[in-house]
Protein backbone atom coordinates (compact mmCIF):
# COMPACT_ATOMS: atom_id res chain seq x y z
CA MET A 1 170.46 155.35 208.56
CA LYS A 2 173.94 156.84 208.40
CA ILE A 3 176.83 154.35 206.79
CA LEU A 4 180.34 154.82 207.14
CA ILE A 5 181.69 152.73 203.81
CA PHE A 6 185.67 152.60 203.68
CA ASP A 7 187.99 149.40 201.96
CA ILE A 8 190.22 147.25 204.01
CA TRP A 9 193.05 144.97 202.26
CA GLY A 10 196.39 143.41 202.65
CA GLU A 11 198.82 141.01 201.34
CA PHE A 12 197.50 137.89 203.19
CA GLY A 13 194.84 137.42 206.29
CA HIS A 14 193.91 134.89 208.35
CA PHE A 15 190.33 134.57 210.40
CA LYS A 16 190.31 131.05 212.51
CA LYS A 17 187.49 129.03 212.15
CA PHE A 18 186.97 127.77 215.24
CA TYR A 19 186.35 123.75 214.64
CA THR A 20 190.51 123.52 213.60
CA THR A 21 192.91 123.03 215.54
CA SER A 22 196.21 121.28 214.57
CA SER A 23 196.24 122.70 210.98
CA PRO A 24 194.05 125.60 211.19
CA LEU A 25 191.69 127.27 208.04
CA THR A 26 190.25 130.75 207.50
CA PHE A 27 187.33 132.15 207.04
CA SER A 28 186.74 133.28 203.73
CA VAL A 29 185.38 137.01 205.19
CA PRO A 30 186.18 138.60 208.57
CA PRO A 31 183.66 137.67 210.97
CA PRO A 32 181.58 140.33 212.56
CA THR A 33 183.99 139.66 215.67
CA ALA A 34 187.01 140.04 213.86
CA ILE A 35 185.68 143.66 212.58
CA TYR A 36 184.73 144.70 216.12
CA GLY A 37 188.41 144.20 216.66
CA ILE A 38 189.41 146.38 213.58
CA LEU A 39 186.94 148.84 214.55
CA GLY A 40 188.80 149.05 217.77
CA ALA A 41 191.71 149.21 216.83
CA ILE A 42 191.18 152.18 214.69
CA LEU A 43 189.41 154.17 216.98
CA GLY A 44 192.00 152.84 219.88
CA LEU A 45 189.84 150.92 222.47
CA SER A 46 191.58 148.61 224.53
CA LYS A 47 191.26 144.81 224.05
CA ASN A 48 189.46 144.74 227.29
CA ASP A 49 187.10 147.20 226.37
CA TYR A 50 186.08 147.73 223.27
CA LEU A 51 183.43 144.79 223.32
CA ASN A 52 181.60 146.69 226.08
CA HIS A 53 180.91 149.58 223.17
CA ILE A 54 181.08 147.46 219.78
CA ASN A 55 179.62 144.32 219.67
CA GLY A 56 176.39 142.43 217.64
CA ARG A 57 173.73 144.99 219.86
CA THR A 58 175.53 148.37 219.07
CA THR A 59 177.09 147.71 215.56
CA LYS A 60 175.80 146.83 212.29
CA VAL A 61 178.19 145.64 209.75
CA ALA A 62 178.05 144.56 205.92
CA ILE A 63 180.82 142.41 203.92
CA GLN A 64 181.06 143.06 200.30
CA ILE A 65 183.72 141.10 198.55
CA LEU A 66 186.35 142.95 196.45
CA ASN A 67 189.05 140.91 195.36
CA PRO A 68 188.02 137.29 194.65
CA ILE A 69 188.53 134.86 197.52
CA LYS A 70 192.09 132.92 196.93
CA LYS A 71 193.79 130.40 199.94
CA THR A 72 197.03 129.32 200.05
CA ARG A 73 198.71 127.39 202.59
CA MET A 74 201.98 128.26 204.20
CA THR A 75 203.93 126.27 207.25
CA LEU A 76 204.74 128.63 210.47
CA ASN A 77 207.12 127.74 213.30
CA TYR A 78 205.69 127.54 216.87
CA ILE A 79 207.21 127.16 219.63
CA ASP A 80 207.15 123.32 220.91
CA THR A 81 205.02 123.91 224.34
CA LYS A 82 204.31 120.20 224.63
CA LYS A 83 207.97 120.39 226.05
CA ALA A 84 209.44 121.84 228.74
CA ILE A 85 210.29 125.43 227.54
CA ASN A 86 213.34 127.42 228.68
CA PHE A 87 215.78 129.98 226.79
CA HIS A 88 218.45 127.32 225.92
CA PHE A 89 215.89 125.05 224.93
CA ILE A 90 214.05 127.74 222.62
CA LYS A 91 217.46 128.15 220.43
CA LYS A 92 217.63 124.40 219.58
CA SER A 93 215.77 123.82 216.45
CA SER A 94 214.25 120.51 218.65
CA GLY A 95 211.95 123.45 220.40
CA ARG A 96 209.99 124.32 217.49
CA THR A 97 207.01 122.83 215.95
CA GLN A 98 205.75 123.63 212.27
CA ILE A 99 202.44 124.20 211.97
CA LYS A 100 200.44 124.24 208.29
CA THR A 101 198.13 127.58 208.23
CA GLU A 102 195.76 128.26 205.68
CA PHE A 103 195.76 131.96 204.30
CA LEU A 104 193.36 134.51 202.51
CA LYS A 105 195.73 135.61 199.67
CA ASN A 106 195.77 138.97 198.62
CA PRO A 107 191.98 139.49 200.50
CA ALA A 108 190.04 142.72 200.02
CA TYR A 109 186.61 143.77 201.36
CA ARG A 110 184.41 146.34 201.38
CA LEU A 111 182.96 147.16 204.87
CA PHE A 112 179.71 148.76 205.69
CA ILE A 113 179.33 150.24 209.16
CA ASN A 114 176.78 151.32 211.72
CA MET A 115 177.27 152.31 215.30
CA ASN A 116 174.15 153.13 217.75
CA ASN A 117 177.22 155.53 219.77
CA GLU A 118 176.87 158.66 217.52
CA ASN A 119 179.89 160.39 219.41
CA LEU A 120 181.80 157.18 219.08
CA PHE A 121 180.72 156.86 215.58
CA ASN A 122 181.48 160.26 214.49
CA GLN A 123 185.09 159.64 216.23
CA LEU A 124 185.82 156.56 213.54
CA ILE A 125 184.37 158.09 210.56
CA LYS A 126 187.16 161.15 211.01
CA LYS A 127 189.75 158.69 211.87
CA VAL A 128 189.19 155.99 208.54
CA LYS A 129 188.92 159.99 206.52
CA ASN A 130 192.25 160.65 207.80
CA ARG A 131 193.74 157.28 207.59
CA GLU A 132 194.22 157.15 211.60
CA ASN A 133 194.47 154.35 213.72
CA HIS A 134 195.38 154.31 217.39
CA TYR A 135 196.33 150.40 217.07
CA THR A 136 197.67 148.73 214.14
CA VAL A 137 195.30 147.09 212.33
CA SER A 138 195.52 143.84 210.53
CA LEU A 139 193.72 141.34 208.84
CA GLY A 140 193.09 138.65 211.61
CA LEU A 141 196.82 137.56 212.96
CA ALA A 142 199.20 140.53 214.36
CA ASN A 143 201.40 140.50 211.74
CA LEU A 144 199.24 140.31 208.77
CA LEU A 145 198.79 143.91 208.35
CA ALA A 146 196.33 145.83 206.67
CA ASN A 147 195.92 148.84 204.84
CA PHE A 148 192.26 150.83 204.78
CA SER A 149 191.03 153.98 202.89
CA PHE A 150 187.69 156.22 203.12
CA VAL A 151 185.03 155.52 200.42
CA GLY A 152 182.12 157.79 201.62
CA LEU A 153 179.38 158.59 204.21
CA GLU A 154 176.21 157.39 202.78
CA GLU A 155 172.37 157.39 204.26
CA ALA A 156 170.77 153.27 203.85
CA LYS A 157 167.35 152.84 202.98
CA PRO A 158 165.36 149.61 204.06
CA ILE A 159 163.86 147.94 201.31
CA ASP A 160 161.37 145.02 201.86
CA THR A 161 162.51 142.74 199.22
CA SER A 162 165.35 142.78 196.45
CA ASN A 163 165.96 140.50 193.24
CA LYS A 164 169.78 140.89 193.93
CA VAL A 165 172.38 141.55 197.01
CA ASP A 166 176.24 143.24 196.53
CA THR A 167 177.19 141.80 200.36
CA ALA A 168 177.27 138.74 201.84
CA ILE A 169 174.05 137.83 203.39
CA LEU A 170 172.74 135.88 206.41
CA SER A 171 170.89 132.23 205.38
CA GLU A 172 168.00 133.41 207.29
CA ASN A 173 167.64 135.93 205.06
CA ILE A 174 167.36 134.46 201.54
CA GLU A 175 163.87 133.99 200.43
CA GLU A 176 165.19 132.48 197.36
CA ILE A 177 168.66 132.25 195.44
CA GLU A 178 169.25 131.99 191.43
CA VAL A 179 172.03 129.63 190.87
CA LYS A 180 174.22 130.89 187.57
CA GLU A 181 176.24 129.52 185.74
CA GLY A 182 180.09 131.54 186.27
CA LYS A 183 179.25 132.19 189.72
CA LYS A 184 181.00 130.64 192.69
CA TYR A 185 178.75 130.29 195.80
CA PHE A 186 179.48 129.33 199.15
CA LYS A 187 178.18 129.04 202.91
CA GLU A 188 180.26 129.28 206.27
CA LYS A 189 178.92 129.99 209.89
CA LEU A 190 180.43 132.57 211.19
CA PRO A 191 180.51 133.98 214.81
CA ILE A 192 178.42 136.85 214.84
CA ASP A 193 178.71 138.23 218.45
CA MET A 194 180.87 137.56 221.38
CA ASN A 195 180.86 138.44 225.13
CA LEU A 196 183.82 140.55 227.20
CA ASP A 197 185.19 137.10 227.90
CA ARG A 198 185.66 136.44 223.94
CA GLU A 199 183.08 133.38 223.87
CA PRO A 200 180.84 133.27 221.12
CA LEU A 201 177.08 134.46 221.51
CA ALA A 202 175.82 133.25 218.18
CA TYR A 203 177.21 131.30 215.05
CA LYS A 204 174.84 132.01 212.04
CA ASP A 205 175.23 130.74 208.12
CA VAL A 206 176.42 133.00 206.07
CA VAL A 207 176.23 132.78 202.33
CA MET A 208 178.05 135.01 199.48
CA GLU A 209 179.58 134.77 196.09
CA LEU A 210 183.48 134.23 196.22
CA ASN A 211 184.14 136.47 193.10
CA GLY A 212 182.36 139.41 194.88
CA ASN A 213 179.83 139.17 191.95
CA SER A 214 176.11 140.17 193.82
CA LEU A 215 173.96 137.35 194.39
CA GLU A 216 170.34 137.24 192.46
CA GLY A 217 166.93 136.05 193.73
CA ARG A 218 165.05 136.61 196.35
CA PHE A 219 166.30 138.73 199.98
CA LYS A 220 164.70 140.39 202.40
CA ASN A 221 165.65 142.83 205.57
CA CYS A 222 168.20 144.60 202.67
CA TYR A 223 169.38 147.99 202.63
CA LYS A 224 170.36 150.78 199.29
CA VAL A 225 173.15 152.72 199.84
CA ARG A 226 174.51 154.15 196.36
CA ASN A 227 174.17 152.08 193.57
CA LYS A 228 174.55 149.05 195.90
CA THR A 229 172.42 146.54 198.22
CA ILE A 230 173.86 145.39 200.99
CA SER A 231 172.58 143.33 203.89
CA PHE A 232 174.06 143.33 207.58
CA LEU A 233 175.14 140.48 209.01
């Protein structure tokens, strides 16, 4: 299996957790559903069309944490939609509402991507190699701009079981995990796939080490890529 490897990073990121409203919290890693949008932006697929081609059934995604996960909170100003809105009202300070929002600070990830559509996959490889993108690439919110760079194009070899994994992994693929001092283990429920109406089709528990270290234990459904062991979400 051919795997495209590239890094993506930025100053801040925010991937909103589905169960938070008034004080939005962020996932620690971009969910696969967010990565589908990033790939669609690079390729130039419209927001109404990219999910026809890039989704949980056509695209494989593995995520390695490069920078330790750090989060910070900042207050954002939004229009207060609970009150009547007109141009003169919005200009007044009373027309705003402040929302505390959690952000990822200096997030950086290594993405491992495979797509069933060979033509689309080859286009993606070419664009990432040339650092080209059709639409602006962001880390969740539109104003959180992202950068990306090509790392390599490698073959992934399946392995039945592994004693370590270097990426985030589905909880269902963990047979045993060794907890070691100094490592920060974390589990989150991420949206894995969604339909054209942007309604999630599946949520799954994902386990990761927040400093970017490998997980050790016994794992299934893994692949060897270069000197790394990865697991698709």
